[in-house]
Amino acid sequence: IHEQVFDAAEIVTAIEALAGVARSKAGARHVLSVPAVRGLAEDARLLALAEQFVGPGAVPFRATLFDKSQAANWLVVWHQDTALPLARHIARAEWGPWSTKAGVLYAHAPAWALERVVALRLHLDDSTSTNGPLRVLPNTHRDGVRDAAAIDQCVRGHSPVDCLSAAGGVVAMRPLTIHASSKSTDARPRRVLHIEYADG
C-alpha cells in the first residue's frame, strides 16, 4: 500500500474525467481509452511502482473502474484474477477457456503469464473498513493458479487483510493473490481505478 501517490486536485480531475463513462452495476471496463486514465496509467509515479514488480519497461494494458456505493453495492467471493485480454486466439492447451467481454477476447491464462502482471489500484475515494474494501490473503500469489477447492482450503488457513487507503493512495496487487470484497455498509462511495501492467 502506497499512500499519497496523487494529490486531491489530481483525484478530482480523474473523477470528473470518468463522470460521463458508461457503466455497468459494478463500474466500467476498458477505461484505458479515456485520455485522463491513459495519462494516469502512464504517469511516472505509477510506472515506477509497476516497474518494482515487473521490471523496466512496464506497460499498462487494461484499466477497470470499480464503483461501489449504496446504489450499486455488491460482494466479490474469494478468487484469483486469471483472465487476460488477448489480441488473438492462441492454440495452446494452457490458455482457456475463452470468452468475449465488451468486444474484447479473453482467455484464462497460465501462471507464468499471470506472474508477469501487476495491478495498481488507484483509490479515488477513501477505502475504509466499512465501504467494502479489497481483502487479500497475503503471499497467496506464490503458488500458481488454484481451483475452487484449493482456494476454499486456503481461505480457511489464512487470516485476511483489508487493504485500506486514503484517496490518492495506490494498492499494488498480483493477479494470483486470492482476494475478495464485502458489501459496503457505509454511505460513502468506494471508487477505484484498477490498472494492470505487464513487463515490456
C-alpha atoms as a PDB file:
ATOM      1  CA  ILE A   1       0.000   0.000   0.000  1.00  0.00           C
ATOM      2  CA  HIS A   2       1.483   3.325  -1.107  1.00  0.00           C
ATOM      3  CA  GLU A   3      -0.209   6.375   0.409  1.00  0.00           C
ATOM      4  CA  GLN A   4      -0.481   9.886  -1.096  1.00  0.00           C
ATOM      5  CA  VAL A   5       0.786   8.996  -4.566  1.00  0.00           C
ATOM      6  CA  PHE A   6      -1.607  11.551  -6.123  1.00  0.00           C
ATOM      7  CA  ASP A   7      -2.900  14.742  -4.555  1.00  0.00           C
ATOM      8  CA  ALA A   8      -6.525  15.797  -4.070  1.00  0.00           C
ATOM      9  CA  ALA A   9      -6.639  18.011  -7.168  1.00  0.00           C
ATOM     10  CA  GLU A  10      -5.406  15.160  -9.380  1.00  0.00           C
ATOM     11  CA  ILE A  11      -8.056  12.826  -7.965  1.00  0.00           C
ATOM     12  CA  VAL A  12     -10.826  15.383  -8.588  1.00  0.00           C
ATOM     13  CA  THR A  13      -9.648  15.710 -12.208  1.00  0.00           C
ATOM     14  CA  ALA A  14      -9.760  11.925 -12.627  1.00  0.00           C
ATOM     15  CA  ILE A  15     -13.266  11.679 -11.151  1.00  0.00           C
ATOM     16  CA  GLU A  16     -14.513  14.453 -13.444  1.00  0.00           C
ATOM     17  CA  ALA A  17     -12.994  12.731 -16.493  1.00  0.00           C
ATOM     18  CA  LEU A  18     -14.807   9.483 -15.628  1.00  0.00           C
ATOM     19  CA  ALA A  19     -18.179  11.115 -14.949  1.00  0.00           C
ATOM     20  CA  GLY A  20     -19.523  10.504 -18.444  1.00  0.00           C
ATOM     21  CA  VAL A  21     -18.233   6.949 -18.888  1.00  0.00           C
ATOM     22  CA  ALA A  22     -20.958   4.340 -19.471  1.00  0.00           C
ATOM     23  CA  ARG A  23     -21.120   1.952 -16.519  1.00  0.00           C
ATOM     24  CA  SER A  24     -22.477  -1.408 -15.521  1.00  0.00           C
ATOM     25  CA  LYS A  25     -23.588  -2.075 -11.950  1.00  0.00           C
ATOM     26  CA  ALA A  26     -20.009  -2.595 -10.781  1.00  0.00           C
ATOM     27  CA  GLY A  27     -18.292   0.147 -12.790  1.00  0.00           C
ATOM     28  CA  ALA A  28     -16.769   0.258 -16.274  1.00  0.00           C
ATOM     29  CA  ARG A  29     -14.417  -1.948 -18.282  1.00  0.00           C
ATOM     30  CA  HIS A  30     -11.702  -0.862 -20.683  1.00  0.00           C
ATOM     31  CA  VAL A  31     -11.354   2.736 -19.472  1.00  0.00           C
ATOM     32  CA  LEU A  32      -7.730   2.934 -20.597  1.00  0.00           C
ATOM     33  CA  SER A  33      -9.180   4.540 -23.740  1.00  0.00           C
ATOM     34  CA  VAL A  34     -10.225   7.568 -21.634  1.00  0.00           C
ATOM     35  CA  PRO A  35      -7.400  10.103 -22.129  1.00  0.00           C
ATOM     36  CA  ALA A  36      -7.255  11.082 -18.453  1.00  0.00           C
ATOM     37  CA  VAL A  37      -6.999   7.438 -17.410  1.00  0.00           C
ATOM     38  CA  ARG A  38      -4.296   6.784 -20.011  1.00  0.00           C
ATOM     39  CA  GLY A  39      -2.436   9.787 -18.618  1.00  0.00           C
ATOM     40  CA  LEU A  40      -2.630   8.388 -15.094  1.00  0.00           C
ATOM     41  CA  ALA A  41      -1.563   4.923 -16.230  1.00  0.00           C
ATOM     42  CA  GLU A  42       1.497   6.391 -17.955  1.00  0.00           C
ATOM     43  CA  ASP A  43       2.336   8.790 -15.129  1.00  0.00           C
ATOM     44  CA  ALA A  44       5.929   8.385 -13.971  1.00  0.00           C
ATOM     45  CA  ARG A  45       4.807   7.638 -10.417  1.00  0.00           C
ATOM     46  CA  LEU A  46       2.681   4.650 -11.407  1.00  0.00           C
ATOM     47  CA  LEU A  47       5.210   3.403 -13.944  1.00  0.00           C
ATOM     48  CA  ALA A  48       7.910   3.466 -11.269  1.00  0.00           C
ATOM     49  CA  LEU A  49       5.686   1.455  -8.933  1.00  0.00           C
ATOM     50  CA  ALA A  50       4.827  -1.062 -11.645  1.00  0.00           C
ATOM     51  CA  GLU A  51       8.487  -1.494 -12.541  1.00  0.00           C
ATOM     52  CA  GLN A  52       9.227  -2.574  -8.973  1.00  0.00           C
ATOM     53  CA  PHE A  53       7.164  -5.685  -9.722  1.00  0.00           C
ATOM     54  CA  VAL A  54       7.522  -6.394 -13.451  1.00  0.00           C
ATOM     55  CA  GLY A  55      10.838  -4.740 -14.250  1.00  0.00           C
ATOM     56  CA  PRO A  56      11.880  -1.928 -16.611  1.00  0.00           C
ATOM     57  CA  GLY A  57       9.530  -1.086 -19.444  1.00  0.00           C
ATOM     58  CA  ALA A  58       6.259  -1.803 -17.606  1.00  0.00           C
ATOM     59  CA  VAL A  59       3.304  -1.296 -19.962  1.00  0.00           C
ATOM     60  CA  PRO A  60      -0.314  -0.591 -18.921  1.00  0.00           C
ATOM     61  CA  PHE A  61      -2.665  -2.836 -20.895  1.00  0.00           C
ATOM     62  CA  ARG A  62      -6.035  -2.655 -19.138  1.00  0.00           C
ATOM     63  CA  ALA A  63      -7.901  -0.358 -16.770  1.00  0.00           C
ATOM     64  CA  THR A  64     -11.171  -1.014 -14.979  1.00  0.00           C
ATOM     65  CA  LEU A  65     -13.233   1.381 -12.878  1.00  0.00           C
ATOM     66  CA  PHE A  66     -14.819  -0.207  -9.822  1.00  0.00           C
ATOM     67  CA  ASP A  67     -17.620   1.957  -8.434  1.00  0.00           C
ATOM     68  CA  LYS A  68     -19.174   0.608  -5.235  1.00  0.00           C
ATOM     69  CA  SER A  69     -21.863   2.617  -3.455  1.00  0.00           C
ATOM     70  CA  GLN A  70     -25.157   2.112  -1.669  1.00  0.00           C
ATOM     71  CA  ALA A  71     -26.877   2.395  -5.065  1.00  0.00           C
ATOM     72  CA  ALA A  72     -24.545  -0.187  -6.656  1.00  0.00           C
ATOM     73  CA  ASN A  73     -23.444  -2.471  -3.856  1.00  0.00           C
ATOM     74  CA  TRP A  74     -22.033  -5.962  -4.336  1.00  0.00           C
ATOM     75  CA  LEU A  75     -19.738  -8.522  -2.829  1.00  0.00           C
ATOM     76  CA  VAL A  76     -16.968 -10.495  -4.507  1.00  0.00           C
ATOM     77  CA  VAL A  77     -16.172 -14.003  -3.276  1.00  0.00           C
ATOM     78  CA  TRP A  78     -12.614 -15.224  -2.766  1.00  0.00           C
ATOM     79  CA  HIS A  79     -10.899 -15.730  -6.125  1.00  0.00           C
ATOM     80  CA  GLN A  80      -7.833 -15.102  -8.282  1.00  0.00           C
ATOM     81  CA  ASP A  81      -7.813 -12.917 -11.426  1.00  0.00           C
ATOM     82  CA  THR A  82      -6.848 -15.388 -14.137  1.00  0.00           C
ATOM     83  CA  ALA A  83      -8.391 -13.975 -17.344  1.00  0.00           C
ATOM     84  CA  LEU A  84      -6.267 -11.777 -19.616  1.00  0.00           C
ATOM     85  CA  PRO A  85      -7.291  -9.801 -22.728  1.00  0.00           C
ATOM     86  CA  LEU A  86      -5.582 -11.045 -25.881  1.00  0.00           C
ATOM     87  CA  ALA A  87      -5.271  -9.732 -29.433  1.00  0.00           C
ATOM     88  CA  ARG A  88      -5.834 -13.160 -30.999  1.00  0.00           C
ATOM     89  CA  HIS A  89      -6.616 -16.776 -30.196  1.00  0.00           C
ATOM     90  CA  ILE A  90      -3.668 -18.911 -29.031  1.00  0.00           C
ATOM     91  CA  ALA A  91      -3.988 -22.588 -29.939  1.00  0.00           C
ATOM     92  CA  ARG A  92      -2.371 -23.929 -26.774  1.00  0.00           C
ATOM     93  CA  ALA A  93      -3.984 -26.098 -24.128  1.00  0.00           C
ATOM     94  CA  GLU A  94      -2.676 -23.948 -21.272  1.00  0.00           C
ATOM     95  CA  TRP A  95      -4.788 -20.986 -22.466  1.00  0.00           C
ATOM     96  CA  GLY A  96      -8.534 -21.078 -21.926  1.00  0.00           C
ATOM     97  CA  PRO A  97     -11.429 -21.322 -21.610  1.00  0.00           C
ATOM     98  CA  TRP A  98     -12.038 -18.368 -23.902  1.00  0.00           C
ATOM     99  CA  SER A  99     -14.706 -15.650 -23.811  1.00  0.00           C
ATOM    100  CA  THR A 100     -15.526 -12.206 -25.176  1.00  0.00           C
ATOM    101  CA  LYS A 101     -16.289  -9.302 -22.834  1.00  0.00           C
ATOM    102  CA  ALA A 102     -17.319  -5.903 -24.184  1.00  0.00           C
ATOM    103  CA  GLY A 103     -15.963  -6.929 -27.594  1.00  0.00           C
ATOM    104  CA  VAL A 104     -12.547  -7.984 -26.250  1.00  0.00           C
ATOM    105  CA  LEU A 105     -11.190 -11.541 -26.479  1.00  0.00           C
ATOM    106  CA  TYR A 106     -10.222 -13.087 -23.127  1.00  0.00           C
ATOM    107  CA  ALA A 107      -8.620 -16.327 -22.022  1.00  0.00           C
ATOM    108  CA  HIS A 108      -7.808 -17.810 -18.653  1.00  0.00           C
ATOM    109  CA  ALA A 109      -4.030 -17.666 -18.587  1.00  0.00           C
ATOM    110  CA  PRO A 110      -1.315 -19.954 -17.251  1.00  0.00           C
ATOM    111  CA  ALA A 111       0.573 -18.989 -14.098  1.00  0.00           C
ATOM    112  CA  TRP A 112       3.748 -17.997 -15.971  1.00  0.00           C
ATOM    113  CA  ALA A 113       1.825 -15.281 -17.857  1.00  0.00           C
ATOM    114  CA  LEU A 114      -0.041 -14.009 -14.792  1.00  0.00           C
ATOM    115  CA  GLU A 115       3.221 -13.767 -12.859  1.00  0.00           C
ATOM    116  CA  ARG A 116       4.322 -11.094 -15.346  1.00  0.00           C
ATOM    117  CA  VAL A 117       1.416  -8.805 -14.368  1.00  0.00           C
ATOM    118  CA  VAL A 118       0.772  -6.403 -11.502  1.00  0.00           C
ATOM    119  CA  ALA A 119      -2.376  -4.398 -10.799  1.00  0.00           C
ATOM    120  CA  LEU A 120      -2.089  -0.903  -9.342  1.00  0.00           C
ATOM    121  CA  ARG A 121      -5.340   0.112  -7.693  1.00  0.00           C
ATOM    122  CA  LEU A 122      -5.613   3.916  -7.528  1.00  0.00           C
ATOM    123  CA  HIS A 123      -8.139   4.973  -4.894  1.00  0.00           C
ATOM    124  CA  LEU A 124     -10.424   7.805  -5.968  1.00  0.00           C
ATOM    125  CA  ASP A 125     -12.164   7.728  -2.576  1.00  0.00           C
ATOM    126  CA  ASP A 126     -11.020   6.707   0.879  1.00  0.00           C
ATOM    127  CA  SER A 127     -11.145   2.937   1.236  1.00  0.00           C
ATOM    128  CA  THR A 128     -12.329   2.115   4.750  1.00  0.00           C
ATOM    129  CA  SER A 129     -13.236  -0.975   6.734  1.00  0.00           C
ATOM    130  CA  THR A 130     -16.941  -0.239   6.145  1.00  0.00           C
ATOM    131  CA  ASN A 131     -17.190   0.592   2.422  1.00  0.00           C
ATOM    132  CA  GLY A 132     -16.350  -2.831   1.025  1.00  0.00           C
ATOM    133  CA  PRO A 133     -12.552  -2.673   0.687  1.00  0.00           C
ATOM    134  CA  LEU A 134     -10.325  -5.131  -1.108  1.00  0.00           C
ATOM    135  CA  ARG A 135      -9.426  -8.057   1.184  1.00  0.00           C
ATOM    136  CA  VAL A 136      -6.418 -10.256   0.444  1.00  0.00           C
ATOM    137  CA  LEU A 137      -4.747 -13.419   1.697  1.00  0.00           C
ATOM    138  CA  PRO A 138      -1.076 -12.353   1.809  1.00  0.00           C
ATOM    139  CA  ASN A 139       1.518 -14.293  -0.204  1.00  0.00           C
ATOM    140  CA  THR A 140      -1.070 -16.498  -1.940  1.00  0.00           C
ATOM    141  CA  HIS A 141       0.201 -15.296  -5.331  1.00  0.00           C
ATOM    142  CA  ARG A 142       3.262 -17.524  -4.955  1.00  0.00           C
ATOM    143  CA  ASP A 143       1.594 -20.899  -5.569  1.00  0.00           C
ATOM    144  CA  GLY A 144       0.149 -20.610  -9.059  1.00  0.00           C
ATOM    145  CA  VAL A 145      -3.411 -20.935 -10.310  1.00  0.00           C
ATOM    146  CA  ARG A 146      -5.699 -22.714  -7.835  1.00  0.00           C
ATOM    147  CA  ASP A 147      -9.057 -24.376  -8.368  1.00  0.00           C
ATOM    148  CA  ALA A 148     -12.107 -23.529  -6.246  1.00  0.00           C
ATOM    149  CA  ALA A 149     -11.435 -26.271  -3.700  1.00  0.00           C
ATOM    150  CA  ALA A 150      -7.831 -25.136  -3.205  1.00  0.00           C
ATOM    151  CA  ILE A 151      -8.974 -21.525  -2.793  1.00  0.00           C
ATOM    152  CA  ASP A 152     -11.533 -22.565  -0.162  1.00  0.00           C
ATOM    153  CA  GLN A 153      -8.859 -24.510   1.710  1.00  0.00           C
ATOM    154  CA  CYS A 154      -6.516 -21.529   1.575  1.00  0.00           C
ATOM    155  CA  VAL A 155      -9.220 -19.204   2.930  1.00  0.00           C
ATOM    156  CA  ARG A 156      -9.669 -21.493   5.925  1.00  0.00           C
ATOM    157  CA  GLY A 157      -5.942 -21.454   6.649  1.00  0.00           C
ATOM    158  CA  HIS A 158      -5.181 -17.724   6.320  1.00  0.00           C
ATOM    159  CA  SER A 159      -6.161 -14.511   8.062  1.00  0.00           C
ATOM    160  CA  PRO A 160      -7.428 -11.919   5.564  1.00  0.00           C
ATOM    161  CA  VAL A 161      -6.059  -8.389   5.437  1.00  0.00           C
ATOM    162  CA  ASP A 162      -8.152  -5.355   4.484  1.00  0.00           C
ATOM    163  CA  CYS A 163      -6.337  -3.053   2.039  1.00  0.00           C
ATOM    164  CA  LEU A 164      -7.255   0.390   3.336  1.00  0.00           C
ATOM    165  CA  SER A 165      -6.032   3.607   1.750  1.00  0.00           C
ATOM    166  CA  ALA A 166      -6.981   7.239   1.574  1.00  0.00           C
ATOM    167  CA  ALA A 167      -7.928   8.781  -1.767  1.00  0.00           C
ATOM    168  CA  GLY A 168      -4.793   9.209  -3.858  1.00  0.00           C
ATOM    169  CA  GLY A 169      -3.189   6.079  -2.478  1.00  0.00           C
ATOM    170  CA  VAL A 170      -2.273   3.018  -4.535  1.00  0.00           C
ATOM    171  CA  VAL A 171      -2.528  -0.656  -3.646  1.00  0.00           C
ATOM    172  CA  ALA A 172      -0.268  -2.973  -5.672  1.00  0.00           C
ATOM    173  CA  MET A 173      -1.598  -6.492  -6.129  1.00  0.00           C
ATOM    174  CA  ARG A 174      -0.584  -9.561  -8.115  1.00  0.00           C
ATOM    175  CA  PRO A 175      -3.488 -11.141 -10.047  1.00  0.00           C
ATOM    176  CA  LEU A 176      -2.834 -14.549  -8.453  1.00  0.00           C
ATOM    177  CA  THR A 177      -3.339 -13.127  -4.955  1.00  0.00           C
ATOM    178  CA  ILE A 178      -6.511 -14.647  -3.527  1.00  0.00           C
ATOM    179  CA  HIS A 179      -8.804 -11.721  -2.828  1.00  0.00           C
ATOM    180  CA  ALA A 180     -12.406 -10.747  -2.133  1.00  0.00           C
ATOM    181  CA  SER A 181     -14.585  -7.770  -1.266  1.00  0.00           C
ATOM    182  CA  SER A 182     -17.577  -7.437   1.048  1.00  0.00           C
ATOM    183  CA  LYS A 183     -20.650  -5.294   0.501  1.00  0.00           C
ATOM    184  CA  SER A 184     -20.397  -1.731   1.723  1.00  0.00           C
ATOM    185  CA  THR A 185     -22.211  -0.803   4.926  1.00  0.00           C
ATOM    186  CA  ASP A 186     -21.272   2.864   4.527  1.00  0.00           C
ATOM    187  CA  ALA A 187     -22.955   5.691   2.615  1.00  0.00           C
ATOM    188  CA  ARG A 188     -19.598   6.801   1.221  1.00  0.00           C
ATOM    189  CA  PRO A 189     -18.649   5.546  -2.269  1.00  0.00           C
ATOM    190  CA  ARG A 190     -15.580   3.447  -2.991  1.00  0.00           C
ATOM    191  CA  ARG A 191     -14.259   4.166  -6.478  1.00  0.00           C
ATOM    192  CA  VAL A 192     -11.026   2.518  -7.607  1.00  0.00           C
ATOM    193  CA  LEU A 193      -9.114   2.612 -10.880  1.00  0.00           C
ATOM    194  CA  HIS A 194      -7.645  -0.866 -11.302  1.00  0.00           C
ATOM    195  CA  ILE A 195      -4.778  -0.508 -13.821  1.00  0.00           C
ATOM    196  CA  GLU A 196      -2.862  -3.585 -14.939  1.00  0.00           C
ATOM    197  CA  TYR A 197       0.742  -3.614 -16.182  1.00  0.00           C
ATOM    198  CA  ALA A 198       2.862  -6.264 -17.849  1.00  0.00           C
ATOM    199  CA  ASP A 199       6.567  -6.431 -18.472  1.00  0.00           C
ATOM    200  CA  GLY A 200       7.706  -4.793 -21.684  1.00  0.00           C
END
